[in-house]
Amino acid sequence: MLQNCHLMKSWMEDLDKIVLSFKENADRIHEDFRLFLTSMPADYFPVSVLQNSVKLTTEPPRGMKANLKRTWANLNQDFINDCTKPEIWRKLLFSFSFFHANI
């Protein structure tokens, strides 16, 4: 996994060559090989990489309330209550969620 590829503008041409070489060397690449890239939208990102990829896009929720709702929607009550000190755990979980939403 290569994260934040948009930060390496000077490396985009090399990335393009590497991804194009995958097609040429398909018989030598292991069948379980996967390359994951993360990037913010960038006009200099190689179009050929995008064309030869499966793309997944996510957008963060707008606003603190929407962000907290999204985080808490992924949690179930068993996860929240499955603790020896549930009162402290709930406060800690909310604090981390709030911090994550704020960042």
PDB file of N, CA and C in Angstrom:
ATOM      1  N   MET A   1       0.844  -1.175   0.000  1.00  0.00           N
ATOM      2  CA  MET A   1       0.000   0.000   0.000  1.00  0.00           C
ATOM      3  C   MET A   1       0.890   1.239   0.000  1.00  0.00           C
ATOM      4  N   LEU A   2       0.637   2.098  -0.949  1.00  0.00           N
ATOM      5  CA  LEU A   2       1.339   3.373  -1.020  1.00  0.00           C
ATOM      6  C   LEU A   2       0.331   4.462  -0.682  1.00  0.00           C
ATOM      7  N   GLN A   3       0.561   5.133   0.419  1.00  0.00           N
ATOM      8  CA  GLN A   3      -0.379   6.145   0.881  1.00  0.00           C
ATOM      9  C   GLN A   3       0.078   7.543   0.476  1.00  0.00           C
ATOM     10  N   ASN A   4      -0.908   8.415   0.304  1.00  0.00           N
ATOM     11  CA  ASN A   4      -0.668   9.825   0.008  1.00  0.00           C
ATOM     12  C   ASN A   4       0.221  10.033  -1.216  1.00  0.00           C
ATOM     13  N   CYS A   5      -0.091   9.339  -2.284  1.00  0.00           N
ATOM     14  CA  CYS A   5       0.700   9.443  -3.513  1.00  0.00           C
ATOM     15  C   CYS A   5       0.696  10.864  -4.080  1.00  0.00           C
ATOM     16  N   HIS A   6      -0.322  11.633  -3.786  1.00  0.00           N
ATOM     17  CA  HIS A   6      -0.397  13.006  -4.293  1.00  0.00           C
ATOM     18  C   HIS A   6       0.739  13.884  -3.768  1.00  0.00           C
ATOM     19  N   LEU A   7       1.390  13.454  -2.686  1.00  0.00           N
ATOM     20  CA  LEU A   7       2.479  14.241  -2.119  1.00  0.00           C
ATOM     21  C   LEU A   7       3.804  14.043  -2.857  1.00  0.00           C
ATOM     22  N   MET A   8       3.857  13.067  -3.741  1.00  0.00           N
ATOM     23  CA  MET A   8       5.089  12.772  -4.481  1.00  0.00           C
ATOM     24  C   MET A   8       4.916  13.092  -5.965  1.00  0.00           C
ATOM     25  N   LYS A   9       4.683  14.341  -6.261  1.00  0.00           N
ATOM     26  CA  LYS A   9       4.464  14.776  -7.642  1.00  0.00           C
ATOM     27  C   LYS A   9       5.627  14.366  -8.546  1.00  0.00           C
ATOM     28  N   SER A  10       6.841  14.473  -8.058  1.00  0.00           N
ATOM     29  CA  SER A  10       8.013  14.142  -8.870  1.00  0.00           C
ATOM     30  C   SER A  10       8.120  12.642  -9.167  1.00  0.00           C
ATOM     31  N   TRP A  11       7.406  11.821  -8.423  1.00  0.00           N
ATOM     32  CA  TRP A  11       7.485  10.369  -8.581  1.00  0.00           C
ATOM     33  C   TRP A  11       6.365   9.819  -9.466  1.00  0.00           C
ATOM     34  N   MET A  12       5.430  10.643  -9.880  1.00  0.00           N
ATOM     35  CA  MET A  12       4.266  10.186 -10.640  1.00  0.00           C
ATOM     36  C   MET A  12       4.649   9.539 -11.962  1.00  0.00           C
ATOM     37  N   GLU A  13       5.661  10.053 -12.632  1.00  0.00           N
ATOM     38  CA  GLU A  13       6.091   9.454 -13.899  1.00  0.00           C
ATOM     39  C   GLU A  13       6.636   8.047 -13.678  1.00  0.00           C
ATOM     40  N   ASP A  14       7.402   7.858 -12.604  1.00  0.00           N
ATOM     41  CA  ASP A  14       7.918   6.525 -12.272  1.00  0.00           C
ATOM     42  C   ASP A  14       6.783   5.575 -11.916  1.00  0.00           C
ATOM     43  N   LEU A  15       5.806   6.068 -11.169  1.00  0.00           N
ATOM     44  CA  LEU A  15       4.649   5.239 -10.826  1.00  0.00           C
ATOM     45  C   LEU A  15       3.930   4.781 -12.091  1.00  0.00           C
ATOM     46  N   ASP A  16       3.768   5.679 -13.025  1.00  0.00           N
ATOM     47  CA  ASP A  16       3.121   5.351 -14.289  1.00  0.00           C
ATOM     48  C   ASP A  16       3.865   4.227 -15.001  1.00  0.00           C
ATOM     49  N   LYS A  17       5.185   4.310 -15.068  1.00  0.00           N
ATOM     50  CA  LYS A  17       5.994   3.272 -15.720  1.00  0.00           C
ATOM     51  C   LYS A  17       5.872   1.936 -14.989  1.00  0.00           C
ATOM     52  N   ILE A  18       5.865   1.981 -13.675  1.00  0.00           N
ATOM     53  CA  ILE A  18       5.764   0.752 -12.879  1.00  0.00           C
ATOM     54  C   ILE A  18       4.430   0.055 -13.133  1.00  0.00           C
ATOM     55  N   VAL A  19       3.354   0.822 -13.101  1.00  0.00           N
ATOM     56  CA  VAL A  19       2.028   0.226 -13.299  1.00  0.00           C
ATOM     57  C   VAL A  19       1.878  -0.308 -14.722  1.00  0.00           C
ATOM     58  N   LEU A  20       2.414   0.405 -15.703  1.00  0.00           N
ATOM     59  CA  LEU A  20       2.355  -0.082 -17.088  1.00  0.00           C
ATOM     60  C   LEU A  20       3.178  -1.352 -17.263  1.00  0.00           C
ATOM     61  N   SER A  21       4.255  -1.499 -16.503  1.00  0.00           N
ATOM     62  CA  SER A  21       5.068  -2.720 -16.605  1.00  0.00           C
ATOM     63  C   SER A  21       4.337  -3.941 -16.057  1.00  0.00           C
ATOM     64  N   PHE A  22       3.330  -3.736 -15.232  1.00  0.00           N
ATOM     65  CA  PHE A  22       2.556  -4.868 -14.707  1.00  0.00           C
ATOM     66  C   PHE A  22       1.892  -5.636 -15.849  1.00  0.00           C
ATOM     67  N   LYS A  23       1.377  -4.920 -16.835  1.00  0.00           N
ATOM     68  CA  LYS A  23       0.730  -5.580 -17.973  1.00  0.00           C
ATOM     69  C   LYS A  23       1.738  -6.376 -18.794  1.00  0.00           C
ATOM     70  N   GLU A  24       2.912  -5.802 -18.999  1.00  0.00           N
ATOM     71  CA  GLU A  24       3.945  -6.468 -19.800  1.00  0.00           C
ATOM     72  C   GLU A  24       4.490  -7.708 -19.104  1.00  0.00           C
ATOM     73  N   ASN A  25       4.522  -7.693 -17.786  1.00  0.00           N
ATOM     74  CA  ASN A  25       5.087  -8.801 -17.010  1.00  0.00           C
ATOM     75  C   ASN A  25       4.020  -9.574 -16.249  1.00  0.00           C
ATOM     76  N   ALA A  26       2.832  -9.626 -16.789  1.00  0.00           N
ATOM     77  CA  ALA A  26       1.712 -10.264 -16.086  1.00  0.00           C
ATOM     78  C   ALA A  26       1.986 -11.729 -15.764  1.00  0.00           C
ATOM     79  N   ASP A  27       2.743 -12.422 -16.605  1.00  0.00           N
ATOM     80  CA  ASP A  27       3.015 -13.835 -16.364  1.00  0.00           C
ATOM     81  C   ASP A  27       3.994 -14.062 -15.213  1.00  0.00           C
ATOM     82  N   ARG A  28       4.753 -13.019 -14.827  1.00  0.00           N
ATOM     83  CA  ARG A  28       5.732 -13.154 -13.738  1.00  0.00           C
ATOM     84  C   ARG A  28       5.227 -12.590 -12.413  1.00  0.00           C
ATOM     85  N   ILE A  29       4.051 -12.009 -12.401  1.00  0.00           N
ATOM     86  CA  ILE A  29       3.504 -11.416 -11.176  1.00  0.00           C
ATOM     87  C   ILE A  29       2.591 -12.428 -10.505  1.00  0.00           C
ATOM     88  N   HIS A  30       2.744 -12.582  -9.204  1.00  0.00           N
ATOM     89  CA  HIS A  30       1.944 -13.540  -8.442  1.00  0.00           C
ATOM     90  C   HIS A  30       0.464 -13.188  -8.543  1.00  0.00           C
ATOM     91  N   GLU A  31      -0.372 -14.192  -8.658  1.00  0.00           N
ATOM     92  CA  GLU A  31      -1.809 -13.965  -8.862  1.00  0.00           C
ATOM     93  C   GLU A  31      -2.490 -13.284  -7.677  1.00  0.00           C
ATOM     94  N   ASP A  32      -1.904 -13.341  -6.492  1.00  0.00           N
ATOM     95  CA  ASP A  32      -2.482 -12.694  -5.312  1.00  0.00           C
ATOM     96  C   ASP A  32      -1.942 -11.279  -5.081  1.00  0.00           C
ATOM     97  N   PHE A  33      -1.076 -10.807  -5.966  1.00  0.00           N
ATOM     98  CA  PHE A  33      -0.499  -9.472  -5.806  1.00  0.00           C
ATOM     99  C   PHE A  33      -1.562  -8.404  -6.031  1.00  0.00           C
ATOM    100  N   ARG A  34      -1.598  -7.424  -5.127  1.00  0.00           N
ATOM    101  CA  ARG A  34      -2.481  -6.267  -5.256  1.00  0.00           C
ATOM    102  C   ARG A  34      -1.678  -5.036  -4.870  1.00  0.00           C
ATOM    103  N   LEU A  35      -1.890  -3.949  -5.580  1.00  0.00           N
ATOM    104  CA  LEU A  35      -1.252  -2.678  -5.256  1.00  0.00           C
ATOM    105  C   LEU A  35      -2.359  -1.710  -4.880  1.00  0.00           C
ATOM    106  N   PHE A  36      -2.285  -1.185  -3.668  1.00  0.00           N
ATOM    107  CA  PHE A  36      -3.255  -0.206  -3.190  1.00  0.00           C
ATOM    108  C   PHE A  36      -2.573   1.153  -3.129  1.00  0.00           C
ATOM    109  N   LEU A  37      -3.230   2.150  -3.688  1.00  0.00           N
ATOM    110  CA  LEU A  37      -2.724   3.517  -3.673  1.00  0.00           C
ATOM    111  C   LEU A  37      -3.769   4.415  -3.042  1.00  0.00           C
ATOM    112  N   THR A  38      -3.330   5.353  -2.229  1.00  0.00           N
ATOM    113  CA  THR A  38      -4.253   6.365  -1.715  1.00  0.00           C
ATOM    114  C   THR A  38      -3.758   7.724  -2.184  1.00  0.00           C
ATOM    115  N   SER A  39      -4.709   8.596  -2.496  1.00  0.00           N
ATOM    116  CA  SER A  39      -4.344   9.913  -2.998  1.00  0.00           C
ATOM    117  C   SER A  39      -5.514  10.862  -2.868  1.00  0.00           C
ATOM    118  N   MET A  40      -5.189  12.103  -2.677  1.00  0.00           N
ATOM    119  CA  MET A  40      -6.181  13.166  -2.805  1.00  0.00           C
ATOM    120  C   MET A  40      -6.302  13.449  -4.300  1.00  0.00           C
ATOM    121  N   PRO A  41      -7.386  14.065  -4.747  1.00  0.00           N
ATOM    122  CA  PRO A  41      -7.480  14.418  -6.169  1.00  0.00           C
ATOM    123  C   PRO A  41      -6.317  15.327  -6.577  1.00  0.00           C
ATOM    124  N   ALA A  42      -5.664  14.967  -7.680  1.00  0.00           N
ATOM    125  CA  ALA A  42      -4.537  15.750  -8.179  1.00  0.00           C
ATOM    126  C   ALA A  42      -4.533  15.684  -9.699  1.00  0.00           C
ATOM    127  N   ASP A  43      -4.386  16.835 -10.340  1.00  0.00           N
ATOM    128  CA  ASP A  43      -4.410  16.859 -11.797  1.00  0.00           C
ATOM    129  C   ASP A  43      -3.172  16.222 -12.415  1.00  0.00           C
ATOM    130  N   TYR A  44      -2.113  16.049 -11.665  1.00  0.00           N
ATOM    131  CA  TYR A  44      -0.881  15.448 -12.180  1.00  0.00           C
ATOM    132  C   TYR A  44      -0.822  13.928 -11.954  1.00  0.00           C
ATOM    133  N   PHE A  45      -1.858  13.351 -11.356  1.00  0.00           N
ATOM    134  CA  PHE A  45      -1.878  11.900 -11.146  1.00  0.00           C
ATOM    135  C   PHE A  45      -2.002  11.231 -12.517  1.00  0.00           C
ATOM    136  N   PRO A  46      -1.186  10.208 -12.829  1.00  0.00           N
ATOM    137  CA  PRO A  46      -1.181   9.609 -14.166  1.00  0.00           C
ATOM    138  C   PRO A  46      -2.548   9.027 -14.555  1.00  0.00           C
ATOM    139  N   VAL A  47      -3.031   9.450 -15.695  1.00  0.00           N
ATOM    140  CA  VAL A  47      -4.334   8.997 -16.174  1.00  0.00           C
ATOM    141  C   VAL A  47      -4.317   7.495 -16.449  1.00  0.00           C
ATOM    142  N   SER A  48      -3.207   6.978 -16.955  1.00  0.00           N
ATOM    143  CA  SER A  48      -3.129   5.544 -17.266  1.00  0.00           C
ATOM    144  C   SER A  48      -3.258   4.686 -16.005  1.00  0.00           C
ATOM    145  N   VAL A  49      -2.757   5.180 -14.891  1.00  0.00           N
ATOM    146  CA  VAL A  49      -2.905   4.446 -13.624  1.00  0.00           C
ATOM    147  C   VAL A  49      -4.378   4.401 -13.244  1.00  0.00           C
ATOM    148  N   LEU A  50      -5.063   5.511 -13.398  1.00  0.00           N
ATOM    149  CA  LEU A  50      -6.494   5.560 -13.080  1.00  0.00           C
ATOM    150  C   LEU A  50      -7.300   4.678 -14.020  1.00  0.00           C
ATOM    151  N   GLN A  51      -6.946   4.671 -15.300  1.00  0.00           N
ATOM    152  CA  GLN A  51      -7.688   3.889 -16.275  1.00  0.00           C
ATOM    153  C   GLN A  51      -7.525   2.392 -16.055  1.00  0.00           C
ATOM    154  N   ASN A  52      -6.400   1.974 -15.502  1.00  0.00           N
ATOM    155  CA  ASN A  52      -6.129   0.550 -15.291  1.00  0.00           C
ATOM    156  C   ASN A  52      -6.395   0.117 -13.858  1.00  0.00           C
ATOM    157  N   SER A  53      -7.214   0.871 -13.150  1.00  0.00           N
ATOM    158  CA  SER A  53      -7.427   0.600 -11.731  1.00  0.00           C
ATOM    159  C   SER A  53      -8.906   0.448 -11.406  1.00  0.00           C
ATOM    160  N   VAL A  54      -9.135  -0.205 -10.298  1.00  0.00           N
ATOM    161  CA  VAL A  54     -10.458  -0.196  -9.684  1.00  0.00           C
ATOM    162  C   VAL A  54     -10.406   0.936  -8.674  1.00  0.00           C
ATOM    163  N   LYS A  55     -11.341   1.859  -8.773  1.00  0.00           N
ATOM    164  CA  LYS A  55     -11.288   3.054  -7.933  1.00  0.00           C
ATOM    165  C   LYS A  55     -12.382   3.018  -6.867  1.00  0.00           C
ATOM    166  N   LEU A  56     -12.022   3.503  -5.715  1.00  0.00           N
ATOM    167  CA  LEU A  56     -12.954   3.637  -4.607  1.00  0.00           C
ATOM    168  C   LEU A  56     -12.782   5.037  -4.060  1.00  0.00           C
ATOM    169  N   THR A  57     -13.871   5.763  -3.947  1.00  0.00           N
ATOM    170  CA  THR A  57     -13.778   7.126  -3.425  1.00  0.00           C
ATOM    171  C   THR A  57     -14.627   7.256  -2.177  1.00  0.00           C
ATOM    172  N   THR A  58     -14.133   8.018  -1.243  1.00  0.00           N
ATOM    173  CA  THR A  58     -14.900   8.330  -0.042  1.00  0.00           C
ATOM    174  C   THR A  58     -14.775   9.820   0.226  1.00  0.00           C
ATOM    175  N   GLU A  59     -15.812  10.371   0.753  1.00  0.00           N
ATOM    176  CA  GLU A  59     -15.780  11.766   1.149  1.00  0.00           C
ATOM    177  C   GLU A  59     -16.109  11.845   2.618  1.00  0.00           C
ATOM    178  N   PRO A  60     -15.321  12.600   3.358  1.00  0.00           N
ATOM    179  CA  PRO A  60     -15.614  12.724   4.785  1.00  0.00           C
ATOM    180  C   PRO A  60     -16.916  13.485   4.990  1.00  0.00           C
ATOM    181  N   PRO A  61     -17.641  13.161   6.040  1.00  0.00           N
ATOM    182  CA  PRO A  61     -18.869  13.895   6.324  1.00  0.00           C
ATOM    183  C   PRO A  61     -18.564  15.362   6.608  1.00  0.00           C
ATOM    184  N   ARG A  62     -19.509  16.224   6.264  1.00  0.00           N
ATOM    185  CA  ARG A  62     -19.311  17.660   6.508  1.00  0.00           C
ATOM    186  C   ARG A  62     -19.843  18.005   7.890  1.00  0.00           C
ATOM    187  N   GLY A  63     -18.984  18.525   8.709  1.00  0.00           N
ATOM    188  CA  GLY A  63     -19.386  18.979  10.028  1.00  0.00           C
ATOM    189  C   GLY A  63     -19.084  17.974  11.117  1.00  0.00           C
ATOM    190  N   MET A  64     -18.972  18.498  12.308  1.00  0.00           N
ATOM    191  CA  MET A  64     -18.649  17.681  13.476  1.00  0.00           C
ATOM    192  C   MET A  64     -19.747  16.668  13.780  1.00  0.00           C
ATOM    193  N   LYS A  65     -20.998  17.107  13.757  1.00  0.00           N
ATOM    194  CA  LYS A  65     -22.114  16.229  14.098  1.00  0.00           C
ATOM    195  C   LYS A  65     -22.205  15.060  13.107  1.00  0.00           C
ATOM    196  N   ALA A  66     -22.091  15.341  11.825  1.00  0.00           N
ATOM    197  CA  ALA A  66     -22.167  14.288  10.809  1.00  0.00           C
ATOM    198  C   ALA A  66     -21.011  13.307  10.952  1.00  0.00           C
ATOM    199  N   ASN A  67     -19.830  13.820  11.273  1.00  0.00           N
ATOM    200  CA  ASN A  67     -18.664  12.962  11.445  1.00  0.00           C
ATOM    201  C   ASN A  67     -18.838  12.036  12.644  1.00  0.00           C
ATOM    202  N   LEU A  68     -19.331  12.576  13.761  1.00  0.00           N
ATOM    203  CA  LEU A  68     -19.569  11.739  14.947  1.00  0.00           C
ATOM    204  C   LEU A  68     -20.640  10.697  14.679  1.00  0.00           C
ATOM    205  N   LYS A  69     -21.708  11.096  13.976  1.00  0.00           N
ATOM    206  CA  LYS A  69     -22.767  10.130  13.647  1.00  0.00           C
ATOM    207  C   LYS A  69     -22.233   8.992  12.801  1.00  0.00           C
ATOM    208  N   ARG A  70     -21.370   9.319  11.840  1.00  0.00           N
ATOM    209  CA  ARG A  70     -20.795   8.283  10.976  1.00  0.00           C
ATOM    210  C   ARG A  70     -19.952   7.305  11.788  1.00  0.00           C
ATOM    211  N   THR A  71     -19.142   7.838  12.699  1.00  0.00           N
ATOM    212  CA  THR A  71     -18.302   6.983  13.534  1.00  0.00           C
ATOM    213  C   THR A  71     -19.154   6.070  14.414  1.00  0.00           C
ATOM    214  N   TRP A  72     -20.150   6.638  15.058  1.00  0.00           N
ATOM    215  CA  TRP A  72     -20.973   5.857  15.980  1.00  0.00           C
ATOM    216  C   TRP A  72     -21.916   4.895  15.255  1.00  0.00           C
ATOM    217  N   ALA A  73     -22.223   5.162  13.999  1.00  0.00           N
ATOM    218  CA  ALA A  73     -23.071   4.246  13.228  1.00  0.00           C
ATOM    219  C   ALA A  73     -22.361   2.925  12.968  1.00  0.00           C
ATOM    220  N   ASN A  74     -21.030   2.946  12.964  1.00  0.00           N
ATOM    221  CA  ASN A  74     -20.252   1.728  12.717  1.00  0.00           C
ATOM    222  C   ASN A  74     -20.042   0.891  13.973  1.00  0.00           C
ATOM    223  N   LEU A  75     -20.480   1.380  15.114  1.00  0.00           N
ATOM    224  CA  LEU A  75     -20.317   0.658  16.375  1.00  0.00           C
ATOM    225  C   LEU A  75     -21.651   0.038  16.780  1.00  0.00           C
ATOM    226  N   ASN A  76     -21.591  -1.151  17.361  1.00  0.00           N
ATOM    227  CA  ASN A  76     -22.820  -1.738  17.886  1.00  0.00           C
ATOM    228  C   ASN A  76     -22.787  -1.710  19.419  1.00  0.00           C
ATOM    229  N   GLN A  77     -23.935  -1.910  20.007  1.00  0.00           N
ATOM    230  CA  GLN A  77     -24.062  -1.797  21.466  1.00  0.00           C
ATOM    231  C   GLN A  77     -23.221  -2.836  22.194  1.00  0.00           C
ATOM    232  N   ASP A  78     -23.081  -4.032  21.622  1.00  0.00           N
ATOM    233  CA  ASP A  78     -22.251  -5.065  22.254  1.00  0.00           C
ATOM    234  C   ASP A  78     -20.790  -4.622  22.351  1.00  0.00           C
ATOM    235  N   PHE A  79     -20.300  -3.970  21.309  1.00  0.00           N
ATOM    236  CA  PHE A  79     -18.922  -3.472  21.323  1.00  0.00           C
ATOM    237  C   PHE A  79     -18.737  -2.432  22.417  1.00  0.00           C
ATOM    238  N   ILE A  80     -19.725  -1.574  22.572  1.00  0.00           N
ATOM    239  CA  ILE A  80     -19.637  -0.506  23.563  1.00  0.00           C
ATOM    240  C   ILE A  80     -19.728  -1.065  24.981  1.00  0.00           C
ATOM    241  N   ASN A  81     -20.596  -2.060  25.200  1.00  0.00           N
ATOM    242  CA  ASN A  81     -20.816  -2.601  26.545  1.00  0.00           C
ATOM    243  C   ASN A  81     -19.868  -3.731  26.923  1.00  0.00           C
ATOM    244  N   ASP A  82     -19.147  -4.289  25.961  1.00  0.00           N
ATOM    245  CA  ASP A  82     -18.281  -5.438  26.225  1.00  0.00           C
ATOM    246  C   ASP A  82     -16.957  -4.972  26.826  1.00  0.00           C
ATOM    247  N   CYS A  83     -17.023  -4.584  28.089  1.00  0.00           N
ATOM    248  CA  CYS A  83     -15.852  -4.063  28.779  1.00  0.00           C
ATOM    249  C   CYS A  83     -16.046  -4.263  30.277  1.00  0.00           C
ATOM    250  N   THR A  84     -14.943  -4.407  30.997  1.00  0.00           N
ATOM    251  CA  THR A  84     -15.053  -4.577  32.447  1.00  0.00           C
ATOM    252  C   THR A  84     -15.364  -3.256  33.143  1.00  0.00           C
ATOM    253  N   LYS A  85     -15.062  -2.139  32.483  1.00  0.00           N
ATOM    254  CA  LYS A  85     -15.357  -0.810  33.031  1.00  0.00           C
ATOM    255  C   LYS A  85     -16.107   0.005  31.969  1.00  0.00           C
ATOM    256  N   PRO A  86     -17.382  -0.314  31.737  1.00  0.00           N
ATOM    257  CA  PRO A  86     -18.110   0.317  30.625  1.00  0.00           C
ATOM    258  C   PRO A  86     -18.248   1.832  30.747  1.00  0.00           C
ATOM    259  N   GLU A  87     -18.360   2.362  31.950  1.00  0.00           N
ATOM    260  CA  GLU A  87     -18.512   3.810  32.111  1.00  0.00           C
ATOM    261  C   GLU A  87     -17.271   4.552  31.602  1.00  0.00           C
ATOM    262  N   ILE A  88     -16.117   4.084  32.002  1.00  0.00           N
ATOM    263  CA  ILE A  88     -14.851   4.700  31.563  1.00  0.00           C
ATOM    264  C   ILE A  88     -14.653   4.476  30.062  1.00  0.00           C
ATOM    265  N   TRP A  89     -14.973   3.265  29.592  1.00  0.00           N
ATOM    266  CA  TRP A  89     -14.805   2.932  28.177  1.00  0.00           C
ATOM    267  C   TRP A  89     -15.657   3.846  27.286  1.00  0.00           C
ATOM    268  N   ARG A  90     -16.908   4.095  27.667  1.00  0.00           N
ATOM    269  CA  ARG A  90     -17.780   4.965  26.862  1.00  0.00           C
ATOM    270  C   ARG A  90     -17.226   6.386  26.781  1.00  0.00           C
ATOM    271  N   LYS A  91     -16.709   6.890  27.905  1.00  0.00           N
ATOM    272  CA  LYS A  91     -16.123   8.237  27.899  1.00  0.00           C
ATOM    273  C   LYS A  91     -14.877   8.292  27.017  1.00  0.00           C
ATOM    274  N   LEU A  92     -14.047   7.282  27.126  1.00  0.00           N
ATOM    275  CA  LEU A  92     -12.836   7.219  26.322  1.00  0.00           C
ATOM    276  C   LEU A  92     -13.175   7.086  24.834  1.00  0.00           C
ATOM    277  N   LEU A  93     -14.139   6.246  24.523  1.00  0.00           N
ATOM    278  CA  LEU A  93     -14.565   6.047  23.139  1.00  0.00           C
ATOM    279  C   LEU A  93     -15.119   7.344  22.548  1.00  0.00           C
ATOM    280  N   PHE A  94     -15.929   8.052  23.317  1.00  0.00           N
ATOM    281  CA  PHE A  94     -16.458   9.323  22.830  1.00  0.00           C
ATOM    282  C   PHE A  94     -15.328  10.334  22.633  1.00  0.00           C
ATOM    283  N   SER A  95     -14.382  10.362  23.553  1.00  0.00           N
ATOM    284  CA  SER A  95     -13.258  11.300  23.439  1.00  0.00           C
ATOM    285  C   SER A  95     -12.450  11.038  22.177  1.00  0.00           C
ATOM    286  N   PHE A  96     -12.147   9.770  21.906  1.00  0.00           N
ATOM    287  CA  PHE A  96     -11.412   9.429  20.689  1.00  0.00           C
ATOM    288  C   PHE A  96     -12.221   9.776  19.442  1.00  0.00           C
ATOM    289  N   SER A  97     -13.520   9.511  19.481  1.00  0.00           N
ATOM    290  CA  SER A  97     -14.377   9.832  18.336  1.00  0.00           C
ATOM    291  C   SER A  97     -14.413  11.333  18.096  1.00  0.00           C
ATOM    292  N   PHE A  98     -14.525  12.090  19.157  1.00  0.00           N
ATOM    293  CA  PHE A  98     -14.563  13.545  19.055  1.00  0.00           C
ATOM    294  C   PHE A  98     -13.235  14.080  18.508  1.00  0.00           C
ATOM    295  N   PHE A  99     -12.118  13.532  19.015  1.00  0.00           N
ATOM    296  CA  PHE A  99     -10.802  13.939  18.540  1.00  0.00           C
ATOM    297  C   PHE A  99     -10.650  13.626  17.047  1.00  0.00           C
ATOM    298  N   HIS A 100     -11.062  12.424  16.645  1.00  0.00           N
ATOM    299  CA  HIS A 100     -10.965  12.015  15.242  1.00  0.00           C
ATOM    300  C   HIS A 100     -11.814  12.939  14.363  1.00  0.00           C
ATOM    301  N   ALA A 101     -13.017  13.268  14.805  1.00  0.00           N
ATOM    302  CA  ALA A 101     -13.890  14.137  14.021  1.00  0.00           C
ATOM    303  C   ALA A 101     -13.300  15.542  13.908  1.00  0.00           C
ATOM    304  N   ASN A 102     -12.638  15.981  14.964  1.00  0.00           N
ATOM    305  CA  ASN A 102     -12.053  17.319  14.970  1.00  0.00           C
ATOM    306  C   ASN A 102     -10.831  17.392  14.057  1.00  0.00           C
ATOM    307  N   ILE A 103     -10.043  16.363  14.038  1.00  0.00           N
ATOM    308  CA  ILE A 103      -8.852  16.330  13.185  1.00  0.00           C
ATOM    309  C   ILE A 103      -9.273  16.243  11.741  1.00  0.00           C
TER     310      ILE A 103
END
